[in-house]
């Protein structure tokens, strides 16, 4: 059921991430990598409402993090796995 959620609706450009002292393109890439990883890792039959709620966590969780430009793919994968495995702690049912 995740096919009902259009991942492209969530992707960002460097124009919307704010001032990152010249690292706006990198920050946009990292945010988009998180969105794609969450989407790809979510099970095919996830309720669309759950997936939307999880995807909405990305911006509010990561955009204020100073470490965002330095995130490695392993860090992104680990965070996404943690959120999906513990989704009940992160989203309201």
N, C-alpha and C. Protein backbone atom coordinates (compact mmCIF):
# COMPACT_ATOMS: atom_id res chain seq x y z
N UNK A 1 0.80 -1.19 0.00
CA UNK A 1 0.00 0.00 0.00
C UNK A 1 0.85 1.26 0.00
N UNK A 2 2.16 1.06 0.12
CA UNK A 2 3.00 2.26 0.11
C UNK A 2 3.02 2.93 -1.25
N UNK A 3 2.57 2.22 -2.28
CA UNK A 3 2.53 2.83 -3.61
C UNK A 3 1.54 4.00 -3.68
N UNK A 4 0.68 4.13 -2.68
CA UNK A 4 -0.26 5.25 -2.63
C UNK A 4 0.40 6.54 -2.13
N UNK A 5 1.62 6.41 -1.61
CA UNK A 5 2.37 7.56 -1.13
C UNK A 5 3.42 7.91 -2.18
N UNK A 6 3.40 9.14 -2.65
CA UNK A 6 4.32 9.58 -3.69
C UNK A 6 5.53 10.21 -3.02
N UNK A 7 6.65 9.52 -3.06
CA UNK A 7 7.86 9.99 -2.38
C UNK A 7 8.33 11.33 -2.93
N UNK A 8 8.09 11.59 -4.18
CA UNK A 8 8.55 12.84 -4.79
C UNK A 8 7.87 14.07 -4.18
N UNK A 9 6.73 13.86 -3.52
CA UNK A 9 6.06 14.97 -2.83
C UNK A 9 6.85 15.46 -1.63
N UNK A 10 7.80 14.66 -1.15
CA UNK A 10 8.56 14.99 0.06
C UNK A 10 9.96 15.50 -0.23
N UNK A 11 10.48 15.22 -1.39
CA UNK A 11 11.86 15.58 -1.69
C UNK A 11 12.04 17.09 -1.72
N UNK A 12 13.24 17.52 -1.31
CA UNK A 12 13.51 18.95 -1.18
C UNK A 12 14.67 19.36 -2.08
N UNK A 13 14.74 20.65 -2.32
CA UNK A 13 15.85 21.21 -3.07
C UNK A 13 16.67 22.08 -2.12
N UNK A 14 17.82 22.50 -2.58
CA UNK A 14 18.67 23.34 -1.75
C UNK A 14 18.01 24.68 -1.44
N UNK A 15 17.05 25.08 -2.24
CA UNK A 15 16.37 26.36 -2.03
C UNK A 15 15.50 26.38 -0.78
N UNK A 16 15.09 25.21 -0.29
CA UNK A 16 14.17 25.18 0.85
C UNK A 16 14.81 24.77 2.18
N UNK A 17 16.06 24.37 2.17
CA UNK A 17 16.67 23.87 3.40
C UNK A 17 17.19 24.96 4.32
N UNK A 18 17.23 26.17 3.85
CA UNK A 18 17.73 27.26 4.68
C UNK A 18 19.22 27.47 4.47
N UNK A 19 19.79 28.28 5.35
CA UNK A 19 21.21 28.63 5.24
C UNK A 19 22.07 27.59 5.95
N UNK A 20 22.90 26.93 5.18
CA UNK A 20 23.84 25.95 5.72
C UNK A 20 25.27 26.33 5.35
N UNK A 21 25.52 27.61 5.25
CA UNK A 21 26.86 28.14 4.99
C UNK A 21 27.54 27.46 3.79
N UNK A 22 26.82 27.42 2.68
CA UNK A 22 27.38 26.86 1.46
C UNK A 22 27.16 25.37 1.29
N UNK A 23 26.55 24.72 2.26
CA UNK A 23 26.34 23.27 2.18
C UNK A 23 24.88 22.92 1.89
N UNK A 24 24.13 23.85 1.35
CA UNK A 24 22.71 23.63 1.11
C UNK A 24 22.44 22.45 0.18
N UNK A 25 23.24 22.31 -0.87
CA UNK A 25 23.05 21.19 -1.80
C UNK A 25 23.28 19.85 -1.09
N UNK A 26 24.32 19.78 -0.29
CA UNK A 26 24.63 18.56 0.46
C UNK A 26 23.53 18.24 1.46
N UNK A 27 23.02 19.25 2.14
CA UNK A 27 21.95 19.05 3.11
C UNK A 27 20.69 18.53 2.42
N UNK A 28 20.35 19.11 1.28
CA UNK A 28 19.19 18.65 0.53
C UNK A 28 19.39 17.19 0.10
N UNK A 29 20.59 16.84 -0.32
CA UNK A 29 20.88 15.45 -0.69
C UNK A 29 20.69 14.51 0.49
N UNK A 30 21.18 14.90 1.65
CA UNK A 30 21.05 14.04 2.84
C UNK A 30 19.58 13.86 3.23
N UNK A 31 18.83 14.94 3.24
CA UNK A 31 17.40 14.85 3.58
C UNK A 31 16.70 13.93 2.59
N UNK A 32 16.99 14.08 1.32
CA UNK A 32 16.36 13.24 0.30
C UNK A 32 16.79 11.79 0.42
N UNK A 33 18.04 11.55 0.80
CA UNK A 33 18.50 10.17 1.04
C UNK A 33 17.72 9.54 2.19
N UNK A 34 17.45 10.31 3.21
CA UNK A 34 16.67 9.80 4.34
C UNK A 34 15.25 9.45 3.88
N UNK A 35 14.62 10.36 3.13
CA UNK A 35 13.28 10.08 2.62
C UNK A 35 13.27 8.80 1.78
N UNK A 36 14.20 8.68 0.84
CA UNK A 36 14.25 7.51 -0.03
C UNK A 36 14.51 6.23 0.76
N UNK A 37 15.41 6.30 1.72
CA UNK A 37 15.74 5.12 2.51
C UNK A 37 14.54 4.66 3.33
N UNK A 38 13.86 5.58 3.98
CA UNK A 38 12.66 5.22 4.74
C UNK A 38 11.62 4.58 3.83
N UNK A 39 11.39 5.20 2.71
CA UNK A 39 10.39 4.69 1.77
C UNK A 39 10.77 3.29 1.29
N UNK A 40 12.01 3.12 0.91
CA UNK A 40 12.47 1.82 0.40
C UNK A 40 12.42 0.73 1.46
N UNK A 41 12.72 1.10 2.70
CA UNK A 41 12.75 0.11 3.78
C UNK A 41 11.37 -0.25 4.32
N UNK A 42 10.41 0.64 4.12
CA UNK A 42 9.06 0.36 4.62
C UNK A 42 8.48 -0.85 3.89
N UNK A 43 7.75 -1.65 4.63
CA UNK A 43 7.14 -2.83 4.03
C UNK A 43 6.09 -2.41 3.00
N UNK A 44 5.89 -3.25 2.01
CA UNK A 44 4.99 -2.93 0.90
C UNK A 44 3.55 -2.70 1.37
N UNK A 45 3.14 -3.38 2.44
CA UNK A 45 1.75 -3.28 2.89
C UNK A 45 1.56 -2.30 4.05
N UNK A 46 2.52 -1.41 4.27
CA UNK A 46 2.39 -0.41 5.32
C UNK A 46 1.18 0.48 5.02
N UNK A 47 0.45 0.84 6.05
CA UNK A 47 -0.68 1.74 5.87
C UNK A 47 -0.15 3.09 5.38
N UNK A 48 -0.76 3.66 4.35
CA UNK A 48 -0.28 4.94 3.84
C UNK A 48 -0.20 6.02 4.92
N UNK A 49 -1.15 6.04 5.84
CA UNK A 49 -1.14 7.04 6.90
C UNK A 49 0.09 6.90 7.79
N UNK A 50 0.48 5.66 8.05
CA UNK A 50 1.68 5.42 8.86
C UNK A 50 2.93 5.89 8.12
N UNK A 51 3.02 5.56 6.86
CA UNK A 51 4.18 5.96 6.07
C UNK A 51 4.27 7.49 5.98
N UNK A 52 3.16 8.13 5.77
CA UNK A 52 3.13 9.60 5.72
C UNK A 52 3.62 10.18 7.04
N UNK A 53 3.13 9.65 8.15
CA UNK A 53 3.55 10.14 9.46
C UNK A 53 5.05 9.94 9.68
N UNK A 54 5.56 8.81 9.23
CA UNK A 54 6.99 8.53 9.37
C UNK A 54 7.80 9.48 8.49
N UNK A 55 7.36 9.69 7.27
CA UNK A 55 8.08 10.60 6.37
C UNK A 55 8.06 12.03 6.90
N UNK A 56 6.99 12.42 7.55
CA UNK A 56 6.90 13.76 8.11
C UNK A 56 7.89 13.97 9.27
N UNK A 57 8.34 12.89 9.87
CA UNK A 57 9.35 12.99 10.94
C UNK A 57 10.71 13.46 10.42
N UNK A 58 10.98 13.19 9.17
CA UNK A 58 12.31 13.47 8.62
C UNK A 58 12.65 14.94 8.74
N UNK A 59 11.81 15.80 8.23
CA UNK A 59 12.11 17.24 8.24
C UNK A 59 12.25 17.75 9.66
N UNK A 60 11.26 17.46 10.51
CA UNK A 60 11.29 18.01 11.87
C UNK A 60 12.44 17.44 12.71
N UNK A 61 12.87 16.24 12.40
CA UNK A 61 13.96 15.62 13.15
C UNK A 61 15.32 16.10 12.66
N UNK A 62 15.50 16.17 11.36
CA UNK A 62 16.85 16.36 10.82
C UNK A 62 17.23 17.78 10.44
N UNK A 63 16.29 18.62 10.03
CA UNK A 63 16.69 19.94 9.55
C UNK A 63 17.37 20.78 10.64
N UNK A 64 17.04 20.61 11.93
CA UNK A 64 17.78 21.40 12.93
C UNK A 64 19.11 20.78 13.37
N UNK A 65 19.48 19.63 12.85
CA UNK A 65 20.68 18.92 13.29
C UNK A 65 21.92 19.43 12.57
N UNK A 66 22.84 19.99 13.32
CA UNK A 66 24.07 20.51 12.72
C UNK A 66 24.90 19.43 12.04
N UNK A 67 24.74 18.18 12.47
CA UNK A 67 25.52 17.08 11.91
C UNK A 67 24.97 16.58 10.58
N UNK A 68 23.87 17.12 10.13
CA UNK A 68 23.22 16.64 8.90
C UNK A 68 24.17 16.54 7.70
N UNK A 69 25.00 17.54 7.42
CA UNK A 69 25.88 17.42 6.24
C UNK A 69 26.89 16.28 6.35
N UNK A 70 27.24 15.87 7.56
CA UNK A 70 28.24 14.82 7.74
C UNK A 70 27.65 13.42 7.85
N UNK A 71 26.33 13.29 7.77
CA UNK A 71 25.72 11.97 7.89
C UNK A 71 26.24 11.01 6.83
N UNK A 72 26.55 9.83 7.27
CA UNK A 72 26.98 8.75 6.37
C UNK A 72 25.78 7.87 6.07
N UNK A 73 25.85 7.09 5.01
CA UNK A 73 24.74 6.22 4.64
C UNK A 73 24.42 5.22 5.74
N UNK A 74 25.43 4.74 6.46
CA UNK A 74 25.18 3.83 7.57
C UNK A 74 24.34 4.49 8.65
N UNK A 75 24.63 5.76 8.93
CA UNK A 75 23.86 6.50 9.93
C UNK A 75 22.40 6.65 9.49
N UNK A 76 22.21 6.96 8.23
CA UNK A 76 20.87 7.12 7.69
C UNK A 76 20.11 5.80 7.77
N UNK A 77 20.76 4.73 7.35
CA UNK A 77 20.14 3.41 7.39
C UNK A 77 19.75 3.04 8.82
N UNK A 78 20.66 3.24 9.76
CA UNK A 78 20.40 2.89 11.16
C UNK A 78 19.22 3.68 11.72
N UNK A 79 19.17 4.98 11.42
CA UNK A 79 18.06 5.80 11.92
C UNK A 79 16.75 5.35 11.31
N UNK A 80 16.74 5.10 10.02
CA UNK A 80 15.52 4.67 9.35
C UNK A 80 15.03 3.33 9.89
N UNK A 81 15.95 2.41 10.08
CA UNK A 81 15.59 1.10 10.64
C UNK A 81 15.00 1.27 12.04
N UNK A 82 15.64 2.11 12.85
CA UNK A 82 15.16 2.36 14.20
C UNK A 82 13.74 2.94 14.19
N UNK A 83 13.50 3.91 13.34
CA UNK A 83 12.18 4.54 13.26
C UNK A 83 11.13 3.52 12.82
N UNK A 84 11.44 2.75 11.80
CA UNK A 84 10.47 1.77 11.31
C UNK A 84 10.20 0.67 12.33
N UNK A 85 11.22 0.22 13.02
CA UNK A 85 11.04 -0.83 14.02
C UNK A 85 10.32 -0.33 15.27
N UNK A 86 10.41 0.95 15.54
CA UNK A 86 9.82 1.53 16.75
C UNK A 86 8.78 2.59 16.42
N UNK A 87 8.12 2.42 15.31
CA UNK A 87 7.20 3.46 14.82
C UNK A 87 6.12 3.84 15.81
N UNK A 88 5.71 2.91 16.65
CA UNK A 88 4.67 3.24 17.63
C UNK A 88 5.12 4.31 18.61
N UNK A 89 6.41 4.42 18.84
CA UNK A 89 6.95 5.47 19.72
C UNK A 89 7.03 6.82 19.02
N UNK A 90 7.03 6.81 17.70
CA UNK A 90 7.24 8.03 16.94
C UNK A 90 5.97 8.64 16.37
N UNK A 91 4.96 7.82 16.12
CA UNK A 91 3.76 8.34 15.47
C UNK A 91 2.53 8.03 16.31
N UNK A 92 1.55 8.89 16.17
CA UNK A 92 0.26 8.68 16.83
C UNK A 92 -0.60 7.77 15.97
N UNK A 93 -1.22 6.82 16.60
CA UNK A 93 -2.11 5.90 15.86
C UNK A 93 -3.51 6.46 15.80
